């Protein structure tokens, strides 16, 4: 999974779709990376985050933690997904407390 990935995540009910870019370093199924995405509360600003997780076969599981979080971004977000057979797409769901949505990259 190492490399640069473009993706998006959606909020419940399709209220908003947020694009993101992530750079991943995968070492034997354990991976980490950095994320940049627009700030939904201040549209002209971007925010950064770090991810850490693991891959087992095609199953992917990671946590996104925002760097120096501003209000509304204090809590880590969990992601669970599947890598496509060709290794080019990861899709799945994210969750934060009782809220969840989908993602694809």
PDB file of N, CA and C in Angstrom:
ATOM      1  N   UNK A   1       0.807  -1.205   0.000  1.00  0.00           N
ATOM      2  CA  UNK A   1       0.000   0.000   0.000  1.00  0.00           C
ATOM      3  C   UNK A   1       0.845   1.263   0.000  1.00  0.00           C
ATOM      4  N   UNK A   2       2.139   1.136   0.041  1.00  0.00           N
ATOM      5  CA  UNK A   2       2.995   2.323   0.092  1.00  0.00           C
ATOM      6  C   UNK A   2       2.752   3.233  -1.104  1.00  0.00           C
ATOM      7  N   UNK A   3       2.737   4.534  -0.835  1.00  0.00           N
ATOM      8  CA  UNK A   3       2.588   5.512  -1.895  1.00  0.00           C
ATOM      9  C   UNK A   3       1.562   6.572  -1.547  1.00  0.00           C
ATOM     10  N   UNK A   4       1.248   7.394  -2.548  1.00  0.00           N
ATOM     11  CA  UNK A   4       0.267   8.466  -2.396  1.00  0.00           C
ATOM     12  C   UNK A   4      -1.095   7.980  -2.875  1.00  0.00           C
ATOM     13  N   UNK A   5      -2.116   8.269  -2.088  1.00  0.00           N
ATOM     14  CA  UNK A   5      -3.483   7.872  -2.407  1.00  0.00           C
ATOM     15  C   UNK A   5      -4.385   9.107  -2.339  1.00  0.00           C
ATOM     16  N   UNK A   6      -5.279   9.249  -3.298  1.00  0.00           N
ATOM     17  CA  UNK A   6      -6.336  10.259  -3.252  1.00  0.00           C
ATOM     18  C   UNK A   6      -7.619   9.545  -2.866  1.00  0.00           C
ATOM     19  N   UNK A   7      -8.443  10.197  -2.068  1.00  0.00           N
ATOM     20  CA  UNK A   7      -9.678   9.563  -1.659  1.00  0.00           C
ATOM     21  C   UNK A   7     -10.708  10.560  -1.201  1.00  0.00           C
ATOM     22  N   UNK A   8     -11.795  10.015  -0.674  1.00  0.00           N
ATOM     23  CA  UNK A   8     -12.847  10.853  -0.102  1.00  0.00           C
ATOM     24  C   UNK A   8     -13.590  10.040   0.946  1.00  0.00           C
ATOM     25  N   UNK A   9     -14.195  10.761   1.878  1.00  0.00           N
ATOM     26  CA  UNK A   9     -15.072  10.120   2.854  1.00  0.00           C
ATOM     27  C   UNK A   9     -16.373  10.889   2.904  1.00  0.00           C
ATOM     28  N   UNK A  10     -17.443  10.177   3.217  1.00  0.00           N
ATOM     29  CA  UNK A  10     -18.757  10.824   3.264  1.00  0.00           C
ATOM     30  C   UNK A  10     -19.340  10.715   4.657  1.00  0.00           C
ATOM     31  N   UNK A  11     -20.164  11.698   4.974  1.00  0.00           N
ATOM     32  CA  UNK A  11     -20.842  11.753   6.263  1.00  0.00           C
ATOM     33  C   UNK A  11     -22.179  11.026   6.170  1.00  0.00           C
ATOM     34  N   UNK A  12     -22.766  10.668   7.313  1.00  0.00           N
ATOM     35  CA  UNK A  12     -24.050   9.973   7.305  1.00  0.00           C
ATOM     36  C   UNK A  12     -25.092  10.714   6.480  1.00  0.00           C
ATOM     37  N   UNK A  13     -25.874   9.965   5.728  1.00  0.00           N
ATOM     38  CA  UNK A  13     -26.927  10.567   4.926  1.00  0.00           C
ATOM     39  C   UNK A  13     -26.417  11.321   3.713  1.00  0.00           C
ATOM     40  N   UNK A  14     -25.118  11.194   3.402  1.00  0.00           N
ATOM     41  CA  UNK A  14     -24.549  11.881   2.245  1.00  0.00           C
ATOM     42  C   UNK A  14     -24.510  13.384   2.393  1.00  0.00           C
ATOM     43  N   UNK A  15     -24.498  13.886   3.644  1.00  0.00           N
ATOM     44  CA  UNK A  15     -24.518  15.338   3.884  1.00  0.00           C
ATOM     45  C   UNK A  15     -23.324  16.057   3.285  1.00  0.00           C
ATOM     46  N   UNK A  16     -22.159  15.432   3.319  1.00  0.00           N
ATOM     47  CA  UNK A  16     -20.965  16.067   2.770  1.00  0.00           C
ATOM     48  C   UNK A  16     -19.992  14.984   2.337  1.00  0.00           C
ATOM     49  N   UNK A  17     -19.290  15.252   1.244  1.00  0.00           N
ATOM     50  CA  UNK A  17     -18.211  14.377   0.796  1.00  0.00           C
ATOM     51  C   UNK A  17     -16.934  15.190   0.884  1.00  0.00           C
ATOM     52  N   UNK A  18     -15.945  14.653   1.605  1.00  0.00           N
ATOM     53  CA  UNK A  18     -14.703  15.368   1.848  1.00  0.00           C
ATOM     54  C   UNK A  18     -13.547  14.650   1.155  1.00  0.00           C
ATOM     55  N   UNK A  19     -12.830  15.353   0.264  1.00  0.00           N
ATOM     56  CA  UNK A  19     -11.662  14.739  -0.373  1.00  0.00           C
ATOM     57  C   UNK A  19     -10.479  14.736   0.591  1.00  0.00           C
ATOM     58  N   UNK A  20      -9.541  13.830   0.379  1.00  0.00           N
ATOM     59  CA  UNK A  20      -8.315  13.824   1.157  1.00  0.00           C
ATOM     60  C   UNK A  20      -7.184  13.242   0.334  1.00  0.00           C
ATOM     61  N   UNK A  21      -5.977  13.469   0.789  1.00  0.00           N
ATOM     62  CA  UNK A  21      -4.791  12.874   0.189  1.00  0.00           C
ATOM     63  C   UNK A  21      -3.982  12.274   1.321  1.00  0.00           C
ATOM     64  N   UNK A  22      -3.503  11.046   1.123  1.00  0.00           N
ATOM     65  CA  UNK A  22      -2.729  10.364   2.159  1.00  0.00           C
ATOM     66  C   UNK A  22      -1.457   9.774   1.544  1.00  0.00           C
ATOM     67  N   UNK A  23      -0.376   9.878   2.269  1.00  0.00           N
ATOM     68  CA  UNK A  23       0.892   9.250   1.892  1.00  0.00           C
ATOM     69  C   UNK A  23       1.143   8.128   2.888  1.00  0.00           C
ATOM     70  N   UNK A  24       1.267   6.898   2.380  1.00  0.00           N
ATOM     71  CA  UNK A  24       1.381   5.711   3.231  1.00  0.00           C
ATOM     72  C   UNK A  24       2.733   5.036   3.061  1.00  0.00           C
ATOM     73  N   UNK A  25       3.281   4.586   4.185  1.00  0.00           N
ATOM     74  CA  UNK A  25       4.483   3.751   4.205  1.00  0.00           C
ATOM     75  C   UNK A  25       4.091   2.419   4.843  1.00  0.00           C
ATOM     76  N   UNK A  26       4.111   1.353   4.043  1.00  0.00           N
ATOM     77  CA  UNK A  26       3.683   0.021   4.474  1.00  0.00           C
ATOM     78  C   UNK A  26       4.915  -0.865   4.617  1.00  0.00           C
ATOM     79  N   UNK A  27       5.102  -1.399   5.805  1.00  0.00           N
ATOM     80  CA  UNK A  27       6.229  -2.292   6.062  1.00  0.00           C
ATOM     81  C   UNK A  27       5.706  -3.612   6.604  1.00  0.00           C
ATOM     82  N   UNK A  28       5.554  -4.595   5.724  1.00  0.00           N
ATOM     83  CA  UNK A  28       5.128  -5.921   6.132  1.00  0.00           C
ATOM     84  C   UNK A  28       3.731  -5.992   6.705  1.00  0.00           C
ATOM     85  N   UNK A  29       2.840  -5.127   6.226  1.00  0.00           N
ATOM     86  CA  UNK A  29       1.465  -5.155   6.714  1.00  0.00           C
ATOM     87  C   UNK A  29       1.159  -4.126   7.775  1.00  0.00           C
ATOM     88  N   UNK A  30       2.170  -3.562   8.400  1.00  0.00           N
ATOM     89  CA  UNK A  30       1.965  -2.450   9.336  1.00  0.00           C
ATOM     90  C   UNK A  30       2.255  -1.173   8.551  1.00  0.00           C
ATOM     91  N   UNK A  31       1.385  -0.191   8.697  1.00  0.00           N
ATOM     92  CA  UNK A  31       1.608   1.031   7.932  1.00  0.00           C
ATOM     93  C   UNK A  31       1.307   2.277   8.747  1.00  0.00           C
ATOM     94  N   UNK A  32       1.869   3.372   8.270  1.00  0.00           N
ATOM     95  CA  UNK A  32       1.628   4.683   8.859  1.00  0.00           C
ATOM     96  C   UNK A  32       1.607   5.678   7.705  1.00  0.00           C
ATOM     97  N   UNK A  33       1.160   6.881   8.016  1.00  0.00           N
ATOM     98  CA  UNK A  33       1.117   7.870   6.958  1.00  0.00           C
ATOM     99  C   UNK A  33       0.622   9.214   7.438  1.00  0.00           C
ATOM    100  N   UNK A  34       0.565  10.137   6.485  1.00  0.00           N
ATOM    101  CA  UNK A  34       0.095  11.487   6.771  1.00  0.00           C
ATOM    102  C   UNK A  34      -1.046  11.832   5.821  1.00  0.00           C
ATOM    103  N   UNK A  35      -1.997  12.608   6.344  1.00  0.00           N
ATOM    104  CA  UNK A  35      -3.217  12.960   5.617  1.00  0.00           C
ATOM    105  C   UNK A  35      -3.354  14.472   5.575  1.00  0.00           C
ATOM    106  N   UNK A  36      -3.874  14.978   4.473  1.00  0.00           N
ATOM    107  CA  UNK A  36      -4.252  16.382   4.370  1.00  0.00           C
ATOM    108  C   UNK A  36      -5.684  16.412   3.805  1.00  0.00           C
ATOM    109  N   UNK A  37      -6.526  17.258   4.411  1.00  0.00           N
ATOM    110  CA  UNK A  37      -7.919  17.365   3.973  1.00  0.00           C
ATOM    111  C   UNK A  37      -8.420  18.767   4.267  1.00  0.00           C
ATOM    112  N   UNK A  38      -9.493  19.198   3.597  1.00  0.00           N
ATOM    113  CA  UNK A  38     -10.049  20.515   3.894  1.00  0.00           C
ATOM    114  C   UNK A  38     -10.697  20.533   5.278  1.00  0.00           C
ATOM    115  N   UNK A  39     -10.650  21.669   5.901  1.00  0.00           N
ATOM    116  CA  UNK A  39     -11.306  21.881   7.189  1.00  0.00           C
ATOM    117  C   UNK A  39     -12.768  22.233   6.912  1.00  0.00           C
ATOM    118  N   UNK A  40     -13.684  21.382   7.353  1.00  0.00           N
ATOM    119  CA  UNK A  40     -15.106  21.633   7.084  1.00  0.00           C
ATOM    120  C   UNK A  40     -15.635  22.872   7.778  1.00  0.00           C
ATOM    121  N   UNK A  41     -14.982  23.273   8.867  1.00  0.00           N
ATOM    122  CA  UNK A  41     -15.453  24.434   9.624  1.00  0.00           C
ATOM    123  C   UNK A  41     -14.893  25.741   9.077  1.00  0.00           C
ATOM    124  N   UNK A  42     -13.754  25.673   8.396  1.00  0.00           N
ATOM    125  CA  UNK A  42     -13.131  26.845   7.771  1.00  0.00           C
ATOM    126  C   UNK A  42     -12.671  26.432   6.373  1.00  0.00           C
ATOM    127  N   UNK A  43     -13.538  26.535   5.379  1.00  0.00           N
ATOM    128  CA  UNK A  43     -13.303  25.967   4.051  1.00  0.00           C
ATOM    129  C   UNK A  43     -12.019  26.401   3.333  1.00  0.00           C
ATOM    130  N   UNK A  44     -11.460  27.531   3.668  1.00  0.00           N
ATOM    131  CA  UNK A  44     -10.237  27.968   2.988  1.00  0.00           C
ATOM    132  C   UNK A  44      -8.978  27.401   3.647  1.00  0.00           C
ATOM    133  N   UNK A  45      -9.167  26.571   4.679  1.00  0.00           N
ATOM    134  CA  UNK A  45      -8.043  26.024   5.432  1.00  0.00           C
ATOM    135  C   UNK A  45      -7.991  24.508   5.281  1.00  0.00           C
ATOM    136  N   UNK A  46      -6.795  23.935   5.392  1.00  0.00           N
ATOM    137  CA  UNK A  46      -6.645  22.484   5.407  1.00  0.00           C
ATOM    138  C   UNK A  46      -6.171  22.054   6.783  1.00  0.00           C
ATOM    139  N   UNK A  47      -6.388  20.786   7.085  1.00  0.00           N
ATOM    140  CA  UNK A  47      -5.926  20.231   8.346  1.00  0.00           C
ATOM    141  C   UNK A  47      -5.139  18.955   8.066  1.00  0.00           C
ATOM    142  N   UNK A  48      -4.221  18.650   8.964  1.00  0.00           N
ATOM    143  CA  UNK A  48      -3.390  17.465   8.808  1.00  0.00           C
ATOM    144  C   UNK A  48      -3.705  16.420   9.859  1.00  0.00           C
ATOM    145  N   UNK A  49      -3.397  15.184   9.506  1.00  0.00           N
ATOM    146  CA  UNK A  49      -3.604  14.074  10.426  1.00  0.00           C
ATOM    147  C   UNK A  49      -2.550  13.011  10.151  1.00  0.00           C
ATOM    148  N   UNK A  50      -2.420  12.096  11.087  1.00  0.00           N
ATOM    149  CA  UNK A  50      -1.543  10.943  10.917  1.00  0.00           C
ATOM    150  C   UNK A  50      -2.400   9.691  10.999  1.00  0.00           C
ATOM    151  N   UNK A  51      -2.004   8.664  10.254  1.00  0.00           N
ATOM    152  CA  UNK A  51      -2.695   7.383  10.365  1.00  0.00           C
ATOM    153  C   UNK A  51      -1.700   6.315  10.792  1.00  0.00           C
ATOM    154  N   UNK A  52      -2.219   5.298  11.458  1.00  0.00           N
ATOM    155  CA  UNK A  52      -1.430   4.110  11.764  1.00  0.00           C
ATOM    156  C   UNK A  52      -2.387   2.931  11.753  1.00  0.00           C
ATOM    157  N   UNK A  53      -1.906   1.816  11.204  1.00  0.00           N
ATOM    158  CA  UNK A  53      -2.784   0.668  11.119  1.00  0.00           C
ATOM    159  C   UNK A  53      -2.086  -0.563  10.606  1.00  0.00           C
ATOM    160  N   UNK A  54      -2.896  -1.510  10.170  1.00  0.00           N
ATOM    161  CA  UNK A  54      -2.338  -2.756   9.649  1.00  0.00           C
ATOM    162  C   UNK A  54      -3.219  -3.298   8.529  1.00  0.00           C
ATOM    163  N   UNK A  55      -2.595  -4.156   7.745  1.00  0.00           N
ATOM    164  CA  UNK A  55      -3.237  -4.817   6.627  1.00  0.00           C
ATOM    165  C   UNK A  55      -3.003  -6.305   6.809  1.00  0.00           C
ATOM    166  N   UNK A  56      -4.063  -7.098   6.651  1.00  0.00           N
ATOM    167  CA  UNK A  56      -3.965  -8.548   6.733  1.00  0.00           C
ATOM    168  C   UNK A  56      -4.669  -9.105   5.501  1.00  0.00           C
ATOM    169  N   UNK A  57      -3.884  -9.532   4.524  1.00  0.00           N
ATOM    170  CA  UNK A  57      -4.472  -9.906   3.240  1.00  0.00           C
ATOM    171  C   UNK A  57      -5.072  -8.670   2.615  1.00  0.00           C
ATOM    172  N   UNK A  58      -6.360  -8.706   2.336  1.00  0.00           N
ATOM    173  CA  UNK A  58      -7.031  -7.533   1.759  1.00  0.00           C
ATOM    174  C   UNK A  58      -7.740  -6.691   2.811  1.00  0.00           C
ATOM    175  N   UNK A  59      -7.775  -7.125   4.063  1.00  0.00           N
ATOM    176  CA  UNK A  59      -8.409  -6.358   5.140  1.00  0.00           C
ATOM    177  C   UNK A  59      -7.481  -5.241   5.611  1.00  0.00           C
ATOM    178  N   UNK A  60      -8.045  -4.060   5.757  1.00  0.00           N
ATOM    179  CA  UNK A  60      -7.289  -2.870   6.163  1.00  0.00           C
ATOM    180  C   UNK A  60      -7.988  -2.245   7.366  1.00  0.00           C
ATOM    181  N   UNK A  61      -7.207  -1.879   8.383  1.00  0.00           N
ATOM    182  CA  UNK A  61      -7.757  -1.289   9.607  1.00  0.00           C
ATOM    183  C   UNK A  61      -6.786  -0.209  10.069  1.00  0.00           C
ATOM    184  N   UNK A  62      -7.252   1.027  10.220  1.00  0.00           N
ATOM    185  CA  UNK A  62      -6.365   2.091  10.682  1.00  0.00           C
ATOM    186  C   UNK A  62      -7.113   3.147  11.472  1.00  0.00           C
ATOM    187  N   UNK A  63      -6.345   3.951  12.194  1.00  0.00           N
ATOM    188  CA  UNK A  63      -6.870   5.063  12.981  1.00  0.00           C
ATOM    189  C   UNK A  63      -6.259   6.355  12.476  1.00  0.00           C
ATOM    190  N   UNK A  64      -7.098   7.379  12.310  1.00  0.00           N
ATOM    191  CA  UNK A  64      -6.636   8.716  11.900  1.00  0.00           C
ATOM    192  C   UNK A  64      -6.706   9.620  13.114  1.00  0.00           C
ATOM    193  N   UNK A  65      -5.586  10.278  13.419  1.00  0.00           N
ATOM    194  CA  UNK A  65      -5.500  11.201  14.544  1.00  0.00           C
ATOM    195  C   UNK A  65      -5.062  12.561  14.011  1.00  0.00           C
ATOM    196  N   UNK A  66      -5.854  13.583  14.276  1.00  0.00           N
ATOM    197  CA  UNK A  66      -5.525  14.920  13.782  1.00  0.00           C
ATOM    198  C   UNK A  66      -4.352  15.522  14.544  1.00  0.00           C
ATOM    199  N   UNK A  67      -3.518  16.266  13.812  1.00  0.00           N
ATOM    200  CA  UNK A  67      -2.339  16.926  14.377  1.00  0.00           C
ATOM    201  C   UNK A  67      -2.764  18.293  14.901  1.00  0.00           C
ATOM    202  N   UNK A  68      -2.400  18.613  16.144  1.00  0.00           N
ATOM    203  CA  UNK A  68      -2.777  19.889  16.753  1.00  0.00           C
ATOM    204  C   UNK A  68      -4.248  20.207  16.469  1.00  0.00           C
ATOM    205  N   UNK A  69      -5.148  19.354  16.913  1.00  0.00           N
ATOM    206  CA  UNK A  69      -6.558  19.492  16.528  1.00  0.00           C
ATOM    207  C   UNK A  69      -7.226  20.754  17.073  1.00  0.00           C
ATOM    208  N   UNK A  70      -8.025  21.341  16.206  1.00  0.00           N
ATOM    209  CA  UNK A  70      -8.874  22.458  16.618  1.00  0.00           C
ATOM    210  C   UNK A  70     -10.203  21.852  17.056  1.00  0.00           C
ATOM    211  N   UNK A  71     -11.071  22.672  17.623  1.00  0.00           N
ATOM    212  CA  UNK A  71     -12.356  22.177  18.104  1.00  0.00           C
ATOM    213  C   UNK A  71     -13.106  21.444  16.983  1.00  0.00           C
ATOM    214  N   UNK A  72     -13.609  20.278  17.313  1.00  0.00           N
ATOM    215  CA  UNK A  72     -14.325  19.456  16.347  1.00  0.00           C
ATOM    216  C   UNK A  72     -13.488  18.333  15.760  1.00  0.00           C
ATOM    217  N   UNK A  73     -12.169  18.384  15.996  1.00  0.00           N
ATOM    218  CA  UNK A  73     -11.260  17.372  15.439  1.00  0.00           C
ATOM    219  C   UNK A  73     -10.413  16.693  16.522  1.00  0.00           C
ATOM    220  N   UNK A  74     -10.852  16.727  17.758  1.00  0.00           N
ATOM    221  CA  UNK A  74     -10.043  16.237  18.882  1.00  0.00           C
ATOM    222  C   UNK A  74      -9.962  14.712  18.976  1.00  0.00           C
ATOM    223  N   UNK A  75     -10.913  13.992  18.429  1.00  0.00           N
ATOM    224  CA  UNK A  75     -10.993  12.543  18.639  1.00  0.00           C
ATOM    225  C   UNK A  75     -10.506  11.752  17.425  1.00  0.00           C
ATOM    226  N   UNK A  76      -9.832  10.633  17.686  1.00  0.00           N
ATOM    227  CA  UNK A  76      -9.378   9.768  16.583  1.00  0.00           C
ATOM    228  C   UNK A  76     -10.569   9.142  15.858  1.00  0.00           C
ATOM    229  N   UNK A  77     -10.369   8.848  14.581  1.00  0.00           N
ATOM    230  CA  UNK A  77     -11.403   8.250  13.737  1.00  0.00           C
ATOM    231  C   UNK A  77     -10.910   6.870  13.299  1.00  0.00           C
ATOM    232  N   UNK A  78     -11.749   5.855  13.457  1.00  0.00           N
ATOM    233  CA  UNK A  78     -11.394   4.491  13.068  1.00  0.00           C
ATOM    234  C   UNK A  78     -11.894   4.191  11.657  1.00  0.00           C
ATOM    235  N   UNK A  79     -11.055   3.508  10.883  1.00  0.00           N
ATOM    236  CA  UNK A  79     -11.383   3.126   9.513  1.00  0.00           C
ATOM    237  C   UNK A  79     -11.196   1.619   9.357  1.00  0.00           C
ATOM    238  N   UNK A  80     -12.134   0.956   8.701  1.00  0.00           N
ATOM    239  CA  UNK A  80     -12.043  -0.468   8.402  1.00  0.00           C
ATOM    240  C   UNK A  80     -12.460  -0.635   6.944  1.00  0.00           C
ATOM    241  N   UNK A  81     -11.632  -1.338   6.168  1.00  0.00           N
ATOM    242  CA  UNK A  81     -11.960  -1.499   4.765  1.00  0.00           C
ATOM    243  C   UNK A  81     -11.331  -2.715   4.133  1.00  0.00           C
ATOM    244  N   UNK A  82     -11.516  -2.813   2.821  1.00  0.00           N
ATOM    245  CA  UNK A  82     -10.992  -3.910   2.015  1.00  0.00           C
ATOM    246  C   UNK A  82     -10.204  -3.345   0.850  1.00  0.00           C
ATOM    247  N   UNK A  83      -9.049  -3.946   0.608  1.00  0.00           N
ATOM    248  CA  UNK A  83      -8.225  -3.614  -0.546  1.00  0.00           C
ATOM    249  C   UNK A  83      -8.763  -4.407  -1.731  1.00  0.00           C
ATOM    250  N   UNK A  84      -8.907  -3.750  -2.873  1.00  0.00           N
ATOM    251  CA  UNK A  84      -9.413  -4.438  -4.065  1.00  0.00           C
ATOM    252  C   UNK A  84      -8.427  -5.515  -4.509  1.00  0.00           C
ATOM    253  N   UNK A  85      -8.895  -6.432  -5.313  1.00  0.00           N
ATOM    254  CA  UNK A  85      -8.061  -7.517  -5.799  1.00  0.00           C
ATOM    255  C   UNK A  85      -6.827  -7.051  -6.538  1.00  0.00           C
ATOM    256  N   UNK A  86      -6.925  -5.921  -7.251  1.00  0.00           N
ATOM    257  CA  UNK A  86      -5.772  -5.396  -7.978  1.00  0.00           C
ATOM    258  C   UNK A  86      -4.907  -4.475  -7.122  1.00  0.00           C
ATOM    259  N   UNK A  87      -5.300  -4.254  -5.855  1.00  0.00           N
ATOM    260  CA  UNK A  87      -4.505  -3.425  -4.949  1.00  0.00           C
ATOM    261  C   UNK A  87      -4.569  -1.939  -5.213  1.00  0.00           C
ATOM    262  N   UNK A  88      -5.517  -1.499  -6.034  1.00  0.00           N
ATOM    263  CA  UNK A  88      -5.586  -0.089  -6.424  1.00  0.00           C
ATOM    264  C   UNK A  88      -6.620   0.734  -5.654  1.00  0.00           C
ATOM    265  N   UNK A  89      -7.537   0.077  -4.929  1.00  0.00           N
ATOM    266  CA  UNK A  89      -8.615   0.787  -4.233  1.00  0.00           C
ATOM    267  C   UNK A  89      -8.818   0.176  -2.854  1.00  0.00           C
ATOM    268  N   UNK A  90      -8.997   1.055  -1.869  1.00  0.00           N
ATOM    269  CA  UNK A  90      -9.432   0.624  -0.542  1.00  0.00           C
ATOM    270  C   UNK A  90     -10.772   1.287  -0.300  1.00  0.00           C
ATOM    271  N   UNK A  91     -11.781   0.500   0.093  1.00  0.00           N
ATOM    272  CA  UNK A  91     -13.082   1.086   0.410  1.00  0.00           C
ATOM    273  C   UNK A  91     -13.615   0.447   1.683  1.00  0.00           C
ATOM    274  N   UNK A  92     -14.421   1.223   2.400  1.00  0.00           N
ATOM    275  CA  UNK A  92     -14.946   0.712   3.658  1.00  0.00           C
ATOM    276  C   UNK A  92     -15.726   1.756   4.418  1.00  0.00           C
ATOM    277  N   UNK A  93     -15.683   1.642   5.756  1.00  0.00           N
ATOM    278  CA  UNK A  93     -16.434   2.545   6.619  1.00  0.00           C
ATOM    279  C   UNK A  93     -15.515   3.176   7.667  1.00  0.00           C
ATOM    280  N   UNK A  94     -15.876   4.381   8.086  1.00  0.00           N
ATOM    281  CA  UNK A  94     -15.191   5.043   9.192  1.00  0.00           C
ATOM    282  C   UNK A  94     -16.207   5.193  10.319  1.00  0.00           C
ATOM    283  N   UNK A  95     -15.691   5.319  11.548  1.00  0.00           N
ATOM    284  CA  UNK A  95     -16.591   5.529  12.683  1.00  0.00           C
ATOM    285  C   UNK A  95     -15.949   6.432  13.723  1.00  0.00           C
ATOM    286  N   UNK A  96     -16.792   7.221  14.352  1.00  0.00           N
ATOM    287  CA  UNK A  96     -16.402   8.133  15.419  1.00  0.00           C
ATOM    288  C   UNK A  96     -17.580   8.189  16.381  1.00  0.00           C
ATOM    289  N   UNK A  97     -17.406   7.587  17.551  1.00  0.00           N
ATOM    290  CA  UNK A  97     -18.507   7.462  18.510  1.00  0.00           C
ATOM    291  C   UNK A  97     -19.703   6.779  17.835  1.00  0.00           C
ATOM    292  N   UNK A  98     -20.870   7.439  17.797  1.00  0.00           N
ATOM    293  CA  UNK A  98     -22.040   6.812  17.202  1.00  0.00           C
ATOM    294  C   UNK A  98     -22.297   7.278  15.758  1.00  0.00           C
ATOM    295  N   UNK A  99     -21.326   7.957  15.169  1.00  0.00           N
ATOM    296  CA  UNK A  99     -21.454   8.444  13.800  1.00  0.00           C
ATOM    297  C   UNK A  99     -20.555   7.601  12.906  1.00  0.00           C
ATOM    298  N   UNK A 100     -21.004   7.338  11.670  1.00  0.00           N
ATOM    299  CA  UNK A 100     -20.151   6.618  10.735  1.00  0.00           C
ATOM    300  C   UNK A 100     -20.508   7.010   9.313  1.00  0.00           C
ATOM    301  N   UNK A 101     -19.630   6.647   8.405  1.00  0.00           N
ATOM    302  CA  UNK A 101     -19.828   6.935   6.996  1.00  0.00           C
ATOM    303  C   UNK A 101     -18.943   6.023   6.181  1.00  0.00           C
ATOM    304  N   UNK A 102     -18.846   6.303   4.905  1.00  0.00           N
ATOM    305  CA  UNK A 102     -18.035   5.472   4.020  1.00  0.00           C
ATOM    306  C   UNK A 102     -16.798   6.231   3.551  1.00  0.00           C
ATOM    307  N   UNK A 103     -15.819   5.475   3.056  1.00  0.00           N
ATOM    308  CA  UNK A 103     -14.632   6.089   2.464  1.00  0.00           C
ATOM    309  C   UNK A 103     -14.150   5.241   1.301  1.00  0.00           C
ATOM    310  N   UNK A 104     -13.390   5.877   0.422  1.00  0.00           N
ATOM    311  CA  UNK A 104     -12.724   5.166  -0.675  1.00  0.00           C
ATOM    312  C   UNK A 104     -11.467   5.937  -1.008  1.00  0.00           C
ATOM    313  N   UNK A 105     -10.422   5.189  -1.295  1.00  0.00           N
ATOM    314  CA  UNK A 105      -9.171   5.843  -1.728  1.00  0.00           C
ATOM    315  C   UNK A 105      -8.481   4.979  -2.760  1.00  0.00           C
TER     316      UNK A 105
END
